[in-house]
Amino acid sequence: MFKNCVNTVFIRGGFLSNITVSVPEEIKEKMGLFPETNWSAVARKAIIERIKLLEKMEKQLSKSSLSEEETIALGRKVRKAVSKRFLEN
C-alpha cells in the first residue's frame, strides 16, 4: 500500500518528518468542524507526551527488581482494587 509514508523535510535549521495518520471518517468529519485547529500540532503534542510517559515508565521499570510475571500479577491486583473502588462510588 504505502512504500514510504514518512517524509523528512529540512525547516529552520532542523529536520522534520511527516507521517500519515489514519482516522475513522466520523472523526475526520468532526475535525472538519474546527478548521481553525492545527491538527498536526495536536497530534505532535500527543505524540511527545506519550513518548515522555513511556520514557518515564521505562526508567522506573529499569530500577525494578520484579520479574515480568510479578509485575503482571501486581498490575492485575491494582486494576481489581481500582475497579472495586470505582464501582463502589
PDB file of N, CA and C in Angstrom:
ATOM      1  N   MET A   1       0.832  -1.178   0.000  1.00  0.00           N
ATOM      2  CA  MET A   1       0.000   0.000   0.000  1.00  0.00           C
ATOM      3  C   MET A   1       0.884   1.252   0.000  1.00  0.00           C
ATOM      4  N   PHE A   2       1.493   1.603   1.135  1.00  0.00           N
ATOM      5  CA  PHE A   2       2.412   2.730   1.192  1.00  0.00           C
ATOM      6  C   PHE A   2       3.819   2.186   1.299  1.00  0.00           C
ATOM      7  N   LYS A   3       4.658   2.507   0.355  1.00  0.00           N
ATOM      8  CA  LYS A   3       6.044   2.079   0.449  1.00  0.00           C
ATOM      9  C   LYS A   3       6.781   2.919   1.467  1.00  0.00           C
ATOM     10  N   ASN A   4       6.525   4.224   1.481  1.00  0.00           N
ATOM     11  CA  ASN A   4       7.205   5.116   2.403  1.00  0.00           C
ATOM     12  C   ASN A   4       6.216   6.190   2.830  1.00  0.00           C
ATOM     13  N   CYS A   5       5.704   6.071   4.042  1.00  0.00           N
ATOM     14  CA  CYS A   5       4.723   7.057   4.489  1.00  0.00           C
ATOM     15  C   CYS A   5       5.357   8.066   5.445  1.00  0.00           C
ATOM     16  N   VAL A   6       6.699   8.062   5.542  1.00  0.00           N
ATOM     17  CA  VAL A   6       7.394   9.044   6.362  1.00  0.00           C
ATOM     18  C   VAL A   6       8.312   9.833   5.451  1.00  0.00           C
ATOM     19  N   ASN A   7       8.133  11.138   5.417  1.00  0.00           N
ATOM     20  CA  ASN A   7       8.966  12.029   4.628  1.00  0.00           C
ATOM     21  C   ASN A   7       9.720  12.942   5.575  1.00  0.00           C
ATOM     22  N   THR A   8      10.935  13.308   5.221  1.00  0.00           N
ATOM     23  CA  THR A   8      11.725  14.203   6.051  1.00  0.00           C
ATOM     24  C   THR A   8      11.916  15.519   5.325  1.00  0.00           C
ATOM     25  N   VAL A   9      11.721  16.623   6.053  1.00  0.00           N
ATOM     26  CA  VAL A   9      11.811  17.957   5.486  1.00  0.00           C
ATOM     27  C   VAL A   9      12.766  18.780   6.350  1.00  0.00           C
ATOM     28  N   PHE A  10      13.616  19.568   5.717  1.00  0.00           N
ATOM     29  CA  PHE A  10      14.530  20.451   6.434  1.00  0.00           C
ATOM     30  C   PHE A  10      13.880  21.821   6.573  1.00  0.00           C
ATOM     31  N   ILE A  11      13.629  22.246   7.826  1.00  0.00           N
ATOM     32  CA  ILE A  11      12.988  23.539   8.082  1.00  0.00           C
ATOM     33  C   ILE A  11      13.687  24.222   9.264  1.00  0.00           C
ATOM     34  N   ARG A  12      14.003  25.503   9.105  1.00  0.00           N
ATOM     35  CA  ARG A  12      14.579  26.328  10.175  1.00  0.00           C
ATOM     36  C   ARG A  12      15.740  25.660  10.902  1.00  0.00           C
ATOM     37  N   GLY A  13      16.664  25.141  10.165  1.00  0.00           N
ATOM     38  CA  GLY A  13      17.859  24.582  10.780  1.00  0.00           C
ATOM     39  C   GLY A  13      17.679  23.204  11.388  1.00  0.00           C
ATOM     40  N   GLY A  14      16.553  22.550  11.152  1.00  0.00           N
ATOM     41  CA  GLY A  14      16.335  21.221  11.698  1.00  0.00           C
ATOM     42  C   GLY A  14      15.509  20.374  10.760  1.00  0.00           C
ATOM     43  N   PHE A  15      15.548  19.089  10.978  1.00  0.00           N
ATOM     44  CA  PHE A  15      14.785  18.167  10.148  1.00  0.00           C
ATOM     45  C   PHE A  15      13.452  17.843  10.812  1.00  0.00           C
ATOM     46  N   LEU A  16      12.404  17.870  10.037  1.00  0.00           N
ATOM     47  CA  LEU A  16      11.080  17.456  10.486  1.00  0.00           C
ATOM     48  C   LEU A  16      10.625  16.308   9.599  1.00  0.00           C
ATOM     49  N   SER A  17      10.007  15.322  10.201  1.00  0.00           N
ATOM     50  CA  SER A  17       9.479  14.200   9.433  1.00  0.00           C
ATOM     51  C   SER A  17       7.969  14.297   9.364  1.00  0.00           C
ATOM     52  N   ASN A  18       7.419  13.954   8.232  1.00  0.00           N
ATOM     53  CA  ASN A  18       5.968  13.885   8.063  1.00  0.00           C
ATOM     54  C   ASN A  18       5.544  12.448   8.195  1.00  0.00           C
ATOM     55  N   ILE A  19       4.427  12.230   8.894  1.00  0.00           N
ATOM     56  CA  ILE A  19       3.856  10.895   8.993  1.00  0.00           C
ATOM     57  C   ILE A  19       2.402  10.971   8.561  1.00  0.00           C
ATOM     58  N   THR A  20       1.855   9.856   8.172  1.00  0.00           N
ATOM     59  CA  THR A  20       0.454   9.779   7.798  1.00  0.00           C
ATOM     60  C   THR A  20      -0.312   9.128   8.938  1.00  0.00           C
ATOM     61  N   VAL A  21      -1.390   9.768   9.352  1.00  0.00           N
ATOM     62  CA  VAL A  21      -2.228   9.244  10.428  1.00  0.00           C
ATOM     63  C   VAL A  21      -3.599   8.944   9.846  1.00  0.00           C
ATOM     64  N   SER A  22      -4.097   7.762  10.113  1.00  0.00           N
ATOM     65  CA  SER A  22      -5.429   7.381   9.644  1.00  0.00           C
ATOM     66  C   SER A  22      -6.426   7.497  10.786  1.00  0.00           C
ATOM     67  N   VAL A  23      -7.563   8.112  10.500  1.00  0.00           N
ATOM     68  CA  VAL A  23      -8.637   8.230  11.483  1.00  0.00           C
ATOM     69  C   VAL A  23      -9.935   7.802  10.811  1.00  0.00           C
ATOM     70  N   PRO A  24     -10.893   7.315  11.591  1.00  0.00           N
ATOM     71  CA  PRO A  24     -12.189   6.965  11.009  1.00  0.00           C
ATOM     72  C   PRO A  24     -12.842   8.195  10.382  1.00  0.00           C
ATOM     73  N   GLU A  25     -13.667   7.962   9.394  1.00  0.00           N
ATOM     74  CA  GLU A  25     -14.343   9.051   8.683  1.00  0.00           C
ATOM     75  C   GLU A  25     -15.136   9.938   9.647  1.00  0.00           C
ATOM     76  N   GLU A  26     -15.758   9.353  10.657  1.00  0.00           N
ATOM     77  CA  GLU A  26     -16.535  10.121  11.638  1.00  0.00           C
ATOM     78  C   GLU A  26     -15.641  11.140  12.357  1.00  0.00           C
ATOM     79  N   ILE A  27     -14.441  10.726  12.713  1.00  0.00           N
ATOM     80  CA  ILE A  27     -13.505  11.639  13.379  1.00  0.00           C
ATOM     81  C   ILE A  27     -13.064  12.734  12.412  1.00  0.00           C
ATOM     82  N   LYS A  28     -12.780  12.366  11.181  1.00  0.00           N
ATOM     83  CA  LYS A  28     -12.380  13.345  10.163  1.00  0.00           C
ATOM     84  C   LYS A  28     -13.467  14.406   9.984  1.00  0.00           C
ATOM     85  N   GLU A  29     -14.716  13.976   9.964  1.00  0.00           N
ATOM     86  CA  GLU A  29     -15.828  14.924   9.832  1.00  0.00           C
ATOM     87  C   GLU A  29     -15.893  15.867  11.027  1.00  0.00           C
ATOM     88  N   LYS A  30     -15.698  15.334  12.232  1.00  0.00           N
ATOM     89  CA  LYS A  30     -15.714  16.165  13.430  1.00  0.00           C
ATOM     90  C   LYS A  30     -14.532  17.129  13.430  1.00  0.00           C
ATOM     91  N   MET A  31     -13.386  16.688  12.948  1.00  0.00           N
ATOM     92  CA  MET A  31     -12.220  17.567  12.853  1.00  0.00           C
ATOM     93  C   MET A  31     -12.521  18.726  11.905  1.00  0.00           C
ATOM     94  N   GLY A  32     -13.271  18.437  10.860  1.00  0.00           N
ATOM     95  CA  GLY A  32     -13.640  19.463   9.889  1.00  0.00           C
ATOM     96  C   GLY A  32     -14.508  20.558  10.470  1.00  0.00           C
ATOM     97  N   LEU A  33     -15.155  20.287  11.591  1.00  0.00           N
ATOM     98  CA  LEU A  33     -15.985  21.297  12.250  1.00  0.00           C
ATOM     99  C   LEU A  33     -15.143  22.370  12.934  1.00  0.00           C
ATOM    100  N   PHE A  34     -13.842  22.104  13.068  1.00  0.00           N
ATOM    101  CA  PHE A  34     -12.939  23.020  13.744  1.00  0.00           C
ATOM    102  C   PHE A  34     -11.733  23.313  12.855  1.00  0.00           C
ATOM    103  N   PRO A  35     -11.962  24.005  11.725  1.00  0.00           N
ATOM    104  CA  PRO A  35     -10.886  24.235  10.756  1.00  0.00           C
ATOM    105  C   PRO A  35      -9.769  25.129  11.285  1.00  0.00           C
ATOM    106  N   GLU A  36     -10.045  25.882  12.341  1.00  0.00           N
ATOM    107  CA  GLU A  36      -9.017  26.751  12.907  1.00  0.00           C
ATOM    108  C   GLU A  36      -7.994  25.977  13.738  1.00  0.00           C
ATOM    109  N   THR A  37      -8.302  24.729  14.045  1.00  0.00           N
ATOM    110  CA  THR A  37      -7.403  23.906  14.857  1.00  0.00           C
ATOM    111  C   THR A  37      -6.278  23.350  14.007  1.00  0.00           C
ATOM    112  N   ASN A  38      -5.072  23.471  14.512  1.00  0.00           N
ATOM    113  CA  ASN A  38      -3.903  22.906  13.849  1.00  0.00           C
ATOM    114  C   ASN A  38      -3.774  21.446  14.307  1.00  0.00           C
ATOM    115  N   TRP A  39      -4.381  20.543  13.565  1.00  0.00           N
ATOM    116  CA  TRP A  39      -4.427  19.137  13.961  1.00  0.00           C
ATOM    117  C   TRP A  39      -3.047  18.494  13.970  1.00  0.00           C
ATOM    118  N   SER A  40      -2.147  18.992  13.133  1.00  0.00           N
ATOM    119  CA  SER A  40      -0.769  18.485  13.172  1.00  0.00           C
ATOM    120  C   SER A  40      -0.131  18.796  14.516  1.00  0.00           C
ATOM    121  N   ALA A  41      -0.365  20.000  15.016  1.00  0.00           N
ATOM    122  CA  ALA A  41       0.184  20.386  16.321  1.00  0.00           C
ATOM    123  C   ALA A  41      -0.436  19.554  17.439  1.00  0.00           C
ATOM    124  N   VAL A  42      -1.737  19.278  17.326  1.00  0.00           N
ATOM    125  CA  VAL A  42      -2.415  18.450  18.328  1.00  0.00           C
ATOM    126  C   VAL A  42      -1.801  17.055  18.344  1.00  0.00           C
ATOM    127  N   ALA A  43      -1.614  16.475  17.180  1.00  0.00           N
ATOM    128  CA  ALA A  43      -1.023  15.133  17.091  1.00  0.00           C
ATOM    129  C   ALA A  43       0.413  15.145  17.587  1.00  0.00           C
ATOM    130  N   ARG A  44       1.181  16.162  17.198  1.00  0.00           N
ATOM    131  CA  ARG A  44       2.581  16.269  17.613  1.00  0.00           C
ATOM    132  C   ARG A  44       2.677  16.323  19.138  1.00  0.00           C
ATOM    133  N   LYS A  45       1.828  17.153  19.768  1.00  0.00           N
ATOM    134  CA  LYS A  45       1.842  17.279  21.227  1.00  0.00           C
ATOM    135  C   LYS A  45       1.478  15.947  21.892  1.00  0.00           C
ATOM    136  N   ALA A  46       0.477  15.263  21.359  1.00  0.00           N
ATOM    137  CA  ALA A  46       0.066  13.972  21.922  1.00  0.00           C
ATOM    138  C   ALA A  46       1.195  12.946  21.809  1.00  0.00           C
ATOM    139  N   ILE A  47       1.889  12.943  20.690  1.00  0.00           N
ATOM    140  CA  ILE A  47       2.997  12.007  20.493  1.00  0.00           C
ATOM    141  C   ILE A  47       4.127  12.315  21.469  1.00  0.00           C
ATOM    142  N   ILE A  48       4.457  13.596  21.616  1.00  0.00           N
ATOM    143  CA  ILE A  48       5.526  13.994  22.540  1.00  0.00           C
ATOM    144  C   ILE A  48       5.175  13.598  23.967  1.00  0.00           C
ATOM    145  N   GLU A  49       3.933  13.845  24.378  1.00  0.00           N
ATOM    146  CA  GLU A  49       3.506  13.491  25.736  1.00  0.00           C
ATOM    147  C   GLU A  49       3.561  11.981  25.961  1.00  0.00           C
ATOM    148  N   ARG A  50       3.152  11.205  24.955  1.00  0.00           N
ATOM    149  CA  ARG A  50       3.195   9.748  25.091  1.00  0.00           C
ATOM    150  C   ARG A  50       4.637   9.260  25.208  1.00  0.00           C
ATOM    151  N   ILE A  51       5.532   9.845  24.419  1.00  0.00           N
ATOM    152  CA  ILE A  51       6.945   9.459  24.483  1.00  0.00           C
ATOM    153  C   ILE A  51       7.515   9.777  25.868  1.00  0.00           C
ATOM    154  N   LYS A  52       7.192  10.952  26.408  1.00  0.00           N
ATOM    155  CA  LYS A  52       7.662  11.314  27.748  1.00  0.00           C
ATOM    156  C   LYS A  52       7.172  10.309  28.790  1.00  0.00           C
ATOM    157  N   LEU A  53       5.905   9.935  28.703  1.00  0.00           N
ATOM    158  CA  LEU A  53       5.332   8.963  29.632  1.00  0.00           C
ATOM    159  C   LEU A  53       6.031   7.618  29.511  1.00  0.00           C
ATOM    160  N   LEU A  54       6.220   7.148  28.280  1.00  0.00           N
ATOM    161  CA  LEU A  54       6.865   5.853  28.068  1.00  0.00           C
ATOM    162  C   LEU A  54       8.317   5.867  28.539  1.00  0.00           C
ATOM    163  N   GLU A  55       9.015   6.972  28.311  1.00  0.00           N
ATOM    164  CA  GLU A  55      10.402   7.075  28.782  1.00  0.00           C
ATOM    165  C   GLU A  55      10.456   7.052  30.306  1.00  0.00           C
ATOM    166  N   LYS A  56       9.514   7.757  30.933  1.00  0.00           N
ATOM    167  CA  LYS A  56       9.454   7.765  32.400  1.00  0.00           C
ATOM    168  C   LYS A  56       9.169   6.363  32.942  1.00  0.00           C
ATOM    169  N   MET A  57       8.217   5.681  32.312  1.00  0.00           N
ATOM    170  CA  MET A  57       7.883   4.323  32.726  1.00  0.00           C
ATOM    171  C   MET A  57       9.071   3.391  32.540  1.00  0.00           C
ATOM    172  N   GLU A  58       9.754   3.533  31.416  1.00  0.00           N
ATOM    173  CA  GLU A  58      10.912   2.687  31.134  1.00  0.00           C
ATOM    174  C   GLU A  58      12.012   2.913  32.165  1.00  0.00           C
ATOM    175  N   LYS A  59      12.223   4.163  32.542  1.00  0.00           N
ATOM    176  CA  LYS A  59      13.238   4.498  33.546  1.00  0.00           C
ATOM    177  C   LYS A  59      12.878   3.865  34.890  1.00  0.00           C
ATOM    178  N   GLN A  60      11.603   3.967  35.268  1.00  0.00           N
ATOM    179  CA  GLN A  60      11.160   3.379  36.531  1.00  0.00           C
ATOM    180  C   GLN A  60      11.272   1.859  36.501  1.00  0.00           C
ATOM    181  N   LEU A  61      10.895   1.268  35.384  1.00  0.00           N
ATOM    182  CA  LEU A  61      10.957  -0.187  35.270  1.00  0.00           C
ATOM    183  C   LEU A  61      12.381  -0.711  35.278  1.00  0.00           C
ATOM    184  N   SER A  62      13.313   0.074  34.777  1.00  0.00           N
ATOM    185  CA  SER A  62      14.707  -0.376  34.748  1.00  0.00           C
ATOM    186  C   SER A  62      15.269  -0.512  36.151  1.00  0.00           C
ATOM    187  N   LYS A  63      14.666   0.174  37.126  1.00  0.00           N
ATOM    188  CA  LYS A  63      15.107   0.105  38.519  1.00  0.00           C
ATOM    189  C   LYS A  63      14.380  -0.994  39.291  1.00  0.00           C
ATOM    190  N   SER A  64      13.392  -1.607  38.687  1.00  0.00           N
ATOM    191  CA  SER A  64      12.555  -2.590  39.365  1.00  0.00           C
ATOM    192  C   SER A  64      13.259  -3.935  39.477  1.00  0.00           C
ATOM    193  N   SER A  65      13.041  -4.596  40.599  1.00  0.00           N
ATOM    194  CA  SER A  65      13.591  -5.933  40.787  1.00  0.00           C
ATOM    195  C   SER A  65      12.527  -7.011  40.568  1.00  0.00           C
ATOM    196  N   LEU A  66      11.316  -6.604  40.192  1.00  0.00           N
ATOM    197  CA  LEU A  66      10.235  -7.555  39.958  1.00  0.00           C
ATOM    198  C   LEU A  66      10.415  -8.257  38.617  1.00  0.00           C
ATOM    199  N   SER A  67      10.013  -9.504  38.574  1.00  0.00           N
ATOM    200  CA  SER A  67      10.017 -10.233  37.306  1.00  0.00           C
ATOM    201  C   SER A  67       8.806  -9.797  36.490  1.00  0.00           C
ATOM    202  N   GLU A  68       8.772 -10.187  35.230  1.00  0.00           N
ATOM    203  CA  GLU A  68       7.622  -9.834  34.384  1.00  0.00           C
ATOM    204  C   GLU A  68       6.337 -10.428  34.946  1.00  0.00           C
ATOM    205  N   GLU A  69       6.406 -11.662  35.410  1.00  0.00           N
ATOM    206  CA  GLU A  69       5.228 -12.331  35.962  1.00  0.00           C
ATOM    207  C   GLU A  69       4.734 -11.617  37.219  1.00  0.00           C
ATOM    208  N   GLU A  70       5.663 -11.196  38.083  1.00  0.00           N
ATOM    209  CA  GLU A  70       5.288 -10.479  39.299  1.00  0.00           C
ATOM    210  C   GLU A  70       4.661  -9.124  38.963  1.00  0.00           C
ATOM    211  N   THR A  71       5.196  -8.478  37.947  1.00  0.00           N
ATOM    212  CA  THR A  71       4.665  -7.192  37.525  1.00  0.00           C
ATOM    213  C   THR A  71       3.247  -7.333  36.996  1.00  0.00           C
ATOM    214  N   ILE A  72       3.005  -8.374  36.209  1.00  0.00           N
ATOM    215  CA  ILE A  72       1.662  -8.628  35.671  1.00  0.00           C
ATOM    216  C   ILE A  72       0.686  -8.917  36.804  1.00  0.00           C
ATOM    217  N   ALA A  73       1.108  -9.743  37.769  1.00  0.00           N
ATOM    218  CA  ALA A  73       0.246 -10.070  38.906  1.00  0.00           C
ATOM    219  C   ALA A  73      -0.076  -8.818  39.715  1.00  0.00           C
ATOM    220  N   LEU A  74       0.912  -7.980  39.957  1.00  0.00           N
ATOM    221  CA  LEU A  74       0.687  -6.744  40.695  1.00  0.00           C
ATOM    222  C   LEU A  74      -0.264  -5.823  39.931  1.00  0.00           C
ATOM    223  N   GLY A  75      -0.081  -5.728  38.615  1.00  0.00           N
ATOM    224  CA  GLY A  75      -0.962  -4.907  37.790  1.00  0.00           C
ATOM    225  C   GLY A  75      -2.407  -5.374  37.874  1.00  0.00           C
ATOM    226  N   ARG A  76      -2.602  -6.677  37.884  1.00  0.00           N
ATOM    227  CA  ARG A  76      -3.965  -7.220  37.993  1.00  0.00           C
ATOM    228  C   ARG A  76      -4.588  -6.872  39.335  1.00  0.00           C
ATOM    229  N   LYS A  77      -3.791  -6.957  40.411  1.00  0.00           N
ATOM    230  CA  LYS A  77      -4.301  -6.603  41.741  1.00  0.00           C
ATOM    231  C   LYS A  77      -4.696  -5.133  41.796  1.00  0.00           C
ATOM    232  N   VAL A  78      -3.861  -4.288  41.245  1.00  0.00           N
ATOM    233  CA  VAL A  78      -4.146  -2.857  41.244  1.00  0.00           C
ATOM    234  C   VAL A  78      -5.412  -2.572  40.441  1.00  0.00           C
ATOM    235  N   ARG A  79      -5.502  -3.173  39.252  1.00  0.00           N
ATOM    236  CA  ARG A  79      -6.687  -2.958  38.406  1.00  0.00           C
ATOM    237  C   ARG A  79      -7.956  -3.418  39.122  1.00  0.00           C
ATOM    238  N   LYS A  80      -7.886  -4.556  39.804  1.00  0.00           N
ATOM    239  CA  LYS A  80      -9.049  -5.070  40.521  1.00  0.00           C
ATOM    240  C   LYS A  80      -9.448  -4.129  41.656  1.00  0.00           C
ATOM    241  N   ALA A  81      -8.462  -3.615  42.397  1.00  0.00           N
ATOM    242  CA  ALA A  81      -8.746  -2.694  43.505  1.00  0.00           C
ATOM    243  C   ALA A  81      -9.334  -1.389  42.995  1.00  0.00           C
ATOM    244  N   VAL A  82      -8.815  -0.868  41.899  1.00  0.00           N
ATOM    245  CA  VAL A  82      -9.321   0.376  41.322  1.00  0.00           C
ATOM    246  C   VAL A  82     -10.743   0.172  40.823  1.00  0.00           C
ATOM    247  N   SER A  83     -10.995  -0.955  40.153  1.00  0.00           N
ATOM    248  CA  SER A  83     -12.351  -1.260  39.661  1.00  0.00           C
ATOM    249  C   SER A  83     -13.333  -1.339  40.806  1.00  0.00           C
ATOM    250  N   LYS A  84     -12.931  -2.011  41.861  1.00  0.00           N
ATOM    251  CA  LYS A  84     -13.804  -2.169  43.027  1.00  0.00           C
ATOM    252  C   LYS A  84     -14.128  -0.807  43.627  1.00  0.00           C
ATOM    253  N   ARG A  85     -13.113   0.038  43.778  1.00  0.00           N
ATOM    254  CA  ARG A  85     -13.322   1.377  44.342  1.00  0.00           C
ATOM    255  C   ARG A  85     -14.221   2.204  43.442  1.00  0.00           C
ATOM    256  N   PHE A  86     -14.018   2.097  42.130  1.00  0.00           N
ATOM    257  CA  PHE A  86     -14.824   2.852  41.178  1.00  0.00           C
ATOM    258  C   PHE A  86     -16.284   2.413  41.220  1.00  0.00           C
ATOM    259  N   LEU A  87     -16.511   1.116  41.296  1.00  0.00           N
ATOM    260  CA  LEU A  87     -17.885   0.587  41.317  1.00  0.00           C
ATOM    261  C   LEU A  87     -18.613   0.906  42.615  1.00  0.00           C
ATOM    262  N   GLU A  88     -17.853   1.105  43.707  1.00  0.00           N
ATOM    263  CA  GLU A  88     -18.475   1.435  44.995  1.00  0.00           C
ATOM    264  C   GLU A  88     -19.001   2.870  45.000  1.00  0.00           C
ATOM    265  N   ASN A  89     -18.425   3.717  44.189  1.00  0.00           N
ATOM    266  CA  ASN A  89     -18.836   5.136  44.173  1.00  0.00           C
ATOM    267  C   ASN A  89     -19.980   5.321  43.283  1.00  0.00           C
TER     268      ASN A  89
END
